[in-house]
N, C-alpha and C. Protein backbone atom coordinates (compact mmCIF):
# COMPACT_ATOMS: atom_id res chain seq x y z
N MET A 1 15.68 -76.11 149.85
CA MET A 1 16.60 -75.65 148.85
C MET A 1 16.61 -74.12 148.88
N SER A 2 17.79 -73.54 148.76
CA SER A 2 17.90 -72.08 148.81
C SER A 2 17.32 -71.46 147.54
N ASP A 3 17.03 -70.17 147.62
CA ASP A 3 16.49 -69.46 146.45
C ASP A 3 17.48 -69.51 145.29
N PHE A 4 18.78 -69.38 145.61
CA PHE A 4 19.79 -69.41 144.56
C PHE A 4 19.80 -70.76 143.85
N LEU A 5 19.74 -71.85 144.60
CA LEU A 5 19.74 -73.18 143.98
C LEU A 5 18.47 -73.41 143.17
N ARG A 6 17.35 -72.88 143.66
CA ARG A 6 16.11 -72.98 142.88
C ARG A 6 16.26 -72.25 141.54
N PHE A 7 16.90 -71.08 141.58
CA PHE A 7 17.13 -70.29 140.37
C PHE A 7 17.99 -71.06 139.39
N VAL A 8 19.09 -71.63 139.88
CA VAL A 8 19.99 -72.40 139.02
C VAL A 8 19.27 -73.62 138.46
N SER A 9 18.53 -74.31 139.31
CA SER A 9 17.77 -75.48 138.85
C SER A 9 16.79 -75.10 137.75
N HIS A 10 16.13 -73.97 137.91
CA HIS A 10 15.18 -73.49 136.90
C HIS A 10 15.90 -73.18 135.59
N GLN A 11 17.08 -72.57 135.69
CA GLN A 11 17.85 -72.26 134.48
C GLN A 11 18.24 -73.54 133.75
N ILE A 12 18.68 -74.55 134.48
CA ILE A 12 19.06 -75.81 133.87
C ILE A 12 17.86 -76.44 133.17
N GLU A 13 16.69 -76.40 133.82
CA GLU A 13 15.48 -76.93 133.19
C GLU A 13 15.15 -76.16 131.91
N ASP A 14 15.29 -74.84 131.94
CA ASP A 14 15.04 -74.04 130.74
C ASP A 14 15.98 -74.45 129.61
N PHE A 15 17.27 -74.61 129.93
CA PHE A 15 18.23 -75.03 128.91
C PHE A 15 17.91 -76.44 128.41
N ALA A 16 17.51 -77.33 129.31
CA ALA A 16 17.19 -78.70 128.91
C ALA A 16 16.06 -78.73 127.89
N MET A 17 15.14 -77.80 127.99
CA MET A 17 14.02 -77.75 127.05
C MET A 17 14.47 -77.28 125.66
N GLN A 18 15.68 -76.74 125.57
CA GLN A 18 16.19 -76.24 124.29
C GLN A 18 17.10 -77.26 123.59
N VAL A 19 17.25 -78.45 124.14
CA VAL A 19 18.10 -79.48 123.55
C VAL A 19 17.55 -79.87 122.19
N THR A 20 18.45 -79.92 121.20
CA THR A 20 18.04 -80.28 119.84
C THR A 20 18.86 -81.45 119.29
N PHE A 21 19.59 -82.14 120.15
CA PHE A 21 20.49 -83.20 119.69
C PHE A 21 19.73 -84.33 119.02
N ASP A 22 20.19 -84.71 117.84
CA ASP A 22 19.63 -85.83 117.08
C ASP A 22 20.70 -86.93 117.04
N PRO A 23 20.52 -88.00 117.82
CA PRO A 23 21.56 -89.03 117.88
C PRO A 23 21.79 -89.73 116.54
N ASP A 24 20.78 -89.81 115.69
CA ASP A 24 20.95 -90.43 114.38
C ASP A 24 21.88 -89.60 113.49
N GLN A 25 21.74 -88.29 113.58
CA GLN A 25 22.56 -87.38 112.76
C GLN A 25 23.86 -86.97 113.47
N GLY A 26 23.86 -87.08 114.80
CA GLY A 26 25.04 -86.65 115.56
C GLY A 26 25.19 -85.14 115.57
N THR A 27 24.07 -84.41 115.43
CA THR A 27 24.11 -82.95 115.40
C THR A 27 23.10 -82.39 116.39
N GLY A 28 23.25 -81.13 116.69
CA GLY A 28 22.32 -80.43 117.57
C GLY A 28 23.02 -79.94 118.82
N THR A 29 22.24 -79.47 119.76
CA THR A 29 22.79 -78.92 120.99
C THR A 29 22.37 -79.79 122.18
N VAL A 30 23.21 -79.75 123.20
CA VAL A 30 22.92 -80.44 124.46
C VAL A 30 23.22 -79.48 125.60
N VAL A 31 22.77 -79.81 126.78
CA VAL A 31 23.06 -79.02 127.97
C VAL A 31 23.71 -79.93 128.99
N TYR A 32 24.67 -79.39 129.72
CA TYR A 32 25.29 -80.14 130.80
C TYR A 32 25.65 -79.19 131.92
N ASN A 33 25.83 -79.74 133.08
CA ASN A 33 26.16 -78.96 134.26
C ASN A 33 27.55 -79.40 134.71
N LEU A 34 28.53 -78.54 134.59
CA LEU A 34 29.91 -78.84 134.94
C LEU A 34 30.31 -78.04 136.17
N SER A 35 30.84 -78.73 137.15
CA SER A 35 31.34 -78.06 138.35
C SER A 35 32.81 -78.40 138.53
N LEU A 36 33.63 -77.38 138.71
CA LEU A 36 35.05 -77.57 139.00
C LEU A 36 35.25 -77.29 140.48
N VAL A 37 35.89 -78.22 141.17
CA VAL A 37 36.07 -78.12 142.62
C VAL A 37 37.53 -78.34 142.96
N ARG A 38 38.08 -77.47 143.80
CA ARG A 38 39.45 -77.69 144.27
C ARG A 38 39.49 -78.93 145.15
N VAL A 39 40.59 -79.67 145.10
CA VAL A 39 40.73 -80.90 145.87
C VAL A 39 40.46 -80.65 147.36
N GLU A 40 40.94 -79.56 147.87
CA GLU A 40 40.76 -79.27 149.30
C GLU A 40 39.30 -78.97 149.67
N ASP A 41 38.48 -78.67 148.68
CA ASP A 41 37.06 -78.40 148.91
C ASP A 41 36.16 -79.58 148.53
N LEU A 42 36.74 -80.67 148.06
CA LEU A 42 35.97 -81.76 147.50
C LEU A 42 34.98 -82.37 148.49
N GLU A 43 35.43 -82.68 149.70
CA GLU A 43 34.55 -83.32 150.67
C GLU A 43 33.33 -82.45 150.96
N TYR A 44 33.55 -81.16 151.17
CA TYR A 44 32.43 -80.25 151.43
C TYR A 44 31.52 -80.14 150.21
N ALA A 45 32.11 -80.01 149.02
CA ALA A 45 31.31 -79.89 147.80
C ALA A 45 30.43 -81.11 147.58
N VAL A 46 30.98 -82.29 147.80
CA VAL A 46 30.20 -83.51 147.63
C VAL A 46 29.05 -83.55 148.62
N SER A 47 29.29 -83.09 149.85
CA SER A 47 28.20 -83.08 150.84
C SER A 47 27.09 -82.13 150.40
N VAL A 48 27.44 -81.02 149.80
CA VAL A 48 26.44 -80.07 149.30
C VAL A 48 25.68 -80.67 148.12
N PHE A 49 26.40 -81.31 147.20
CA PHE A 49 25.74 -81.96 146.06
C PHE A 49 24.75 -83.01 146.54
N ARG A 50 25.16 -83.80 147.50
CA ARG A 50 24.26 -84.85 148.00
C ARG A 50 23.02 -84.25 148.66
N ALA A 51 23.21 -83.16 149.37
CA ALA A 51 22.08 -82.52 150.07
C ALA A 51 21.07 -81.93 149.08
N THR A 52 21.55 -81.53 147.91
CA THR A 52 20.64 -80.93 146.94
C THR A 52 20.07 -81.97 146.04
């Protein structure tokens, strides 16, 4: 894994530790990872996602 991907992975883990969502109350914070990919880049992007 590249240094950049390790950095991003670490950031996501840090954010995940800050989740405060209470499903009973329906309140709090959550973290998610959203990627927007152009259709023409989809095949390459999926191959990168699978590799990581």
